[in-house]
Amino acid sequence: MTESAGLSDPDGFAFRALHPRWHTVTYAGLVPEAIGDVTTRLTARADLPVRHTGHSPPRRGAVEESRRAGNDRKTIAKQGGWVPNSGVMEGYFEDGEGWEENAMIGVL
């Protein structure tokens, strides 16, 4: 799946821009603000009872999948760009318990 989406490079962009005229996927990545805007608009269209931002689902899903893969908290913190024992990261652990319909399943 990742190769067909052009995501075989682990250091490449997961969220990429579309060419403004041809609407083809480019190699350039989206800026963080654009990812947040897309996530917020999509969750609003889905009529969810909460307002998600760019940090919410992707980062929470990455934490949960890394934990399921057997990584320790130090490794997960490094993967997510958090300092060790980050309160934000710990919150994702708490919120992620029991979340079986995780879109990140199998990514890590």
C-alpha atoms as a PDB file:
ATOM      1  CA  MET A   1       0.000   0.000   0.000  1.00  0.00           C
ATOM      2  CA  THR A   2       2.724   2.488   0.919  1.00  0.00           C
ATOM      3  CA  GLU A   3       4.618   1.878  -2.333  1.00  0.00           C
ATOM      4  CA  SER A   4       1.546   2.389  -4.519  1.00  0.00           C
ATOM      5  CA  ALA A   5       0.931   5.677  -2.712  1.00  0.00           C
ATOM      6  CA  GLY A   6       4.541   6.688  -3.286  1.00  0.00           C
ATOM      7  CA  LEU A   7       5.305   6.511   0.435  1.00  0.00           C
ATOM      8  CA  SER A   8       8.126   3.955   0.332  1.00  0.00           C
ATOM      9  CA  ASP A   9      10.737   6.445   1.610  1.00  0.00           C
ATOM     10  CA  PRO A  10      10.440   6.570   5.421  1.00  0.00           C
ATOM     11  CA  ASP A  11      11.988  10.052   5.382  1.00  0.00           C
ATOM     12  CA  GLY A  12       9.623  11.334   2.688  1.00  0.00           C
ATOM     13  CA  PHE A  13       6.450  13.348   3.163  1.00  0.00           C
ATOM     14  CA  ALA A  14       3.305  11.441   4.124  1.00  0.00           C
ATOM     15  CA  PHE A  15       1.093  14.449   3.293  1.00  0.00           C
ATOM     16  CA  ARG A  16       1.995  15.898  -0.084  1.00  0.00           C
ATOM     17  CA  ALA A  17       0.800  18.860  -2.070  1.00  0.00           C
ATOM     18  CA  LEU A  18      -1.162  18.814  -5.311  1.00  0.00           C
ATOM     19  CA  HIS A  19       0.040  20.704  -8.348  1.00  0.00           C
ATOM     20  CA  PRO A  20      -2.058  23.898  -8.465  1.00  0.00           C
ATOM     21  CA  ARG A  21      -2.985  23.519 -12.136  1.00  0.00           C
ATOM     22  CA  TRP A  22      -2.879  19.788 -12.914  1.00  0.00           C
ATOM     23  CA  HIS A  23      -3.896  18.479  -9.480  1.00  0.00           C
ATOM     24  CA  THR A  24      -1.284  15.736  -9.587  1.00  0.00           C
ATOM     25  CA  VAL A  25       0.591  14.742  -6.428  1.00  0.00           C
ATOM     26  CA  THR A  26       3.950  16.495  -6.120  1.00  0.00           C
ATOM     27  CA  TYR A  27       6.984  15.501  -4.091  1.00  0.00           C
ATOM     28  CA  ALA A  28       6.656  18.604  -1.932  1.00  0.00           C
ATOM     29  CA  GLY A  29       5.162  18.181   1.488  1.00  0.00           C
ATOM     30  CA  LEU A  30       2.289  20.151   2.927  1.00  0.00           C
ATOM     31  CA  VAL A  31       3.131  22.684   5.583  1.00  0.00           C
ATOM     32  CA  PRO A  32       1.903  21.742   9.070  1.00  0.00           C
ATOM     33  CA  GLU A  33      -0.778  24.442   9.003  1.00  0.00           C
ATOM     34  CA  ALA A  34      -2.289  22.981   5.828  1.00  0.00           C
ATOM     35  CA  ILE A  35      -2.413  19.498   7.367  1.00  0.00           C
ATOM     36  CA  GLY A  36      -4.192  20.958  10.386  1.00  0.00           C
ATOM     37  CA  ASP A  37      -6.681  22.804   8.184  1.00  0.00           C
ATOM     38  CA  VAL A  38      -7.460  19.659   6.163  1.00  0.00           C
ATOM     39  CA  THR A  39      -7.918  17.552   9.298  1.00  0.00           C
ATOM     40  CA  THR A  40     -10.178  20.150  10.925  1.00  0.00           C
ATOM     41  CA  ARG A  41     -12.335  20.535   7.781  1.00  0.00           C
ATOM     42  CA  LEU A  42     -12.689  16.776   7.292  1.00  0.00           C
ATOM     43  CA  THR A  43     -13.753  16.142  10.881  1.00  0.00           C
ATOM     44  CA  ALA A  44     -16.241  18.995  10.630  1.00  0.00           C
ATOM     45  CA  ARG A  45     -17.697  17.488   7.443  1.00  0.00           C
ATOM     46  CA  ALA A  46     -17.941  14.120   9.209  1.00  0.00           C
ATOM     47  CA  ASP A  47     -20.093  15.900  11.802  1.00  0.00           C
ATOM     48  CA  LEU A  48     -17.996  14.609  14.689  1.00  0.00           C
ATOM     49  CA  PRO A  49     -18.927  15.845  18.165  1.00  0.00           C
ATOM     50  CA  VAL A  50     -15.387  17.176  18.764  1.00  0.00           C
ATOM     51  CA  ARG A  51     -13.088  19.502  16.830  1.00  0.00           C
ATOM     52  CA  HIS A  52      -9.913  17.732  15.704  1.00  0.00           C
ATOM     53  CA  THR A  53      -6.761  19.520  14.626  1.00  0.00           C
ATOM     54  CA  GLY A  54      -3.717  18.367  12.689  1.00  0.00           C
ATOM     55  CA  HIS A  55      -2.181  16.973  15.845  1.00  0.00           C
ATOM     56  CA  SER A  56      -5.141  14.958  17.005  1.00  0.00           C
ATOM     57  CA  PRO A  57      -5.761  11.817  14.912  1.00  0.00           C
ATOM     58  CA  PRO A  58      -2.402  11.372  13.151  1.00  0.00           C
ATOM     59  CA  ARG A  59      -0.265  11.837  16.254  1.00  0.00           C
ATOM     60  CA  ARG A  60      -2.549   9.836  18.501  1.00  0.00           C
ATOM     61  CA  GLY A  61      -2.635   7.042  15.938  1.00  0.00           C
ATOM     62  CA  ALA A  62       1.150   7.045  15.603  1.00  0.00           C
ATOM     63  CA  VAL A  63       1.545   6.788  19.390  1.00  0.00           C
ATOM     64  CA  GLU A  64      -0.910   3.923  19.614  1.00  0.00           C
ATOM     65  CA  GLU A  65       0.596   1.955  16.730  1.00  0.00           C
ATOM     66  CA  SER A  66       4.129   2.428  17.964  1.00  0.00           C
ATOM     67  CA  ARG A  67       3.044   1.166  21.384  1.00  0.00           C
ATOM     68  CA  ARG A  68       1.335  -1.842  19.774  1.00  0.00           C
ATOM     69  CA  ALA A  69       4.552  -2.558  17.853  1.00  0.00           C
ATOM     70  CA  GLY A  70       6.279  -2.953  21.220  1.00  0.00           C
ATOM     71  CA  ASN A  71       8.243   0.286  21.327  1.00  0.00           C
ATOM     72  CA  ASP A  72       9.029   1.803  24.706  1.00  0.00           C
ATOM     73  CA  ARG A  73       8.028   5.351  25.677  1.00  0.00           C
ATOM     74  CA  LYS A  74      11.523   6.732  25.008  1.00  0.00           C
ATOM     75  CA  THR A  75      11.434   5.432  21.412  1.00  0.00           C
ATOM     76  CA  ILE A  76       7.878   6.677  20.884  1.00  0.00           C
ATOM     77  CA  ALA A  77       8.824  10.112  22.219  1.00  0.00           C
ATOM     78  CA  LYS A  78      11.715  10.281  19.753  1.00  0.00           C
ATOM     79  CA  GLN A  79       9.486   9.181  16.854  1.00  0.00           C
ATOM     80  CA  GLY A  80       6.903  11.853  17.668  1.00  0.00           C
ATOM     81  CA  GLY A  81       9.351  14.647  18.436  1.00  0.00           C
ATOM     82  CA  TRP A  82       8.444  14.843  22.111  1.00  0.00           C
ATOM     83  CA  VAL A  83      10.771  15.157  25.074  1.00  0.00           C
ATOM     84  CA  PRO A  84      10.943  11.976  27.179  1.00  0.00           C
ATOM     85  CA  ASN A  85       7.973  11.677  29.562  1.00  0.00           C
ATOM     86  CA  SER A  86       6.024  14.331  27.665  1.00  0.00           C
ATOM     87  CA  GLY A  87       2.646  15.060  29.215  1.00  0.00           C
ATOM     88  CA  VAL A  88       1.119  15.499  25.766  1.00  0.00           C
ATOM     89  CA  MET A  89       2.390  12.113  24.637  1.00  0.00           C
ATOM     90  CA  GLU A  90       1.115  10.492  27.849  1.00  0.00           C
ATOM     91  CA  GLY A  91      -2.301  12.021  27.142  1.00  0.00           C
ATOM     92  CA  TYR A  92      -2.318  10.303  23.763  1.00  0.00           C
ATOM     93  CA  PHE A  93      -1.638   6.990  25.497  1.00  0.00           C
ATOM     94  CA  GLU A  94      -4.605   7.534  27.823  1.00  0.00           C
ATOM     95  CA  ASP A  95      -6.936   8.654  25.030  1.00  0.00           C
ATOM     96  CA  GLY A  96      -5.845   5.848  22.715  1.00  0.00           C
ATOM     97  CA  GLU A  97      -6.769   2.968  24.997  1.00  0.00           C
ATOM     98  CA  GLY A  98      -9.410   0.818  23.368  1.00  0.00           C
ATOM     99  CA  TRP A  99      -9.296   2.611  20.017  1.00  0.00           C
ATOM    100  CA  GLU A 100      -9.658  -0.348  17.656  1.00  0.00           C
ATOM    101  CA  GLU A 101     -10.554   1.528  14.452  1.00  0.00           C
ATOM    102  CA  ASN A 102      -7.195   3.257  14.199  1.00  0.00           C
ATOM    103  CA  ALA A 103      -6.357   4.406  10.666  1.00  0.00           C
ATOM    104  CA  MET A 104      -2.664   3.981  11.441  1.00  0.00           C
ATOM    105  CA  ILE A 105      -2.917   0.206  12.008  1.00  0.00           C
ATOM    106  CA  GLY A 106      -0.131  -1.475  10.084  1.00  0.00           C
ATOM    107  CA  VAL A 107       1.728   1.729   9.218  1.00  0.00           C
ATOM    108  CA  LEU A 108       4.558   1.311  11.738  1.00  0.00           C
END
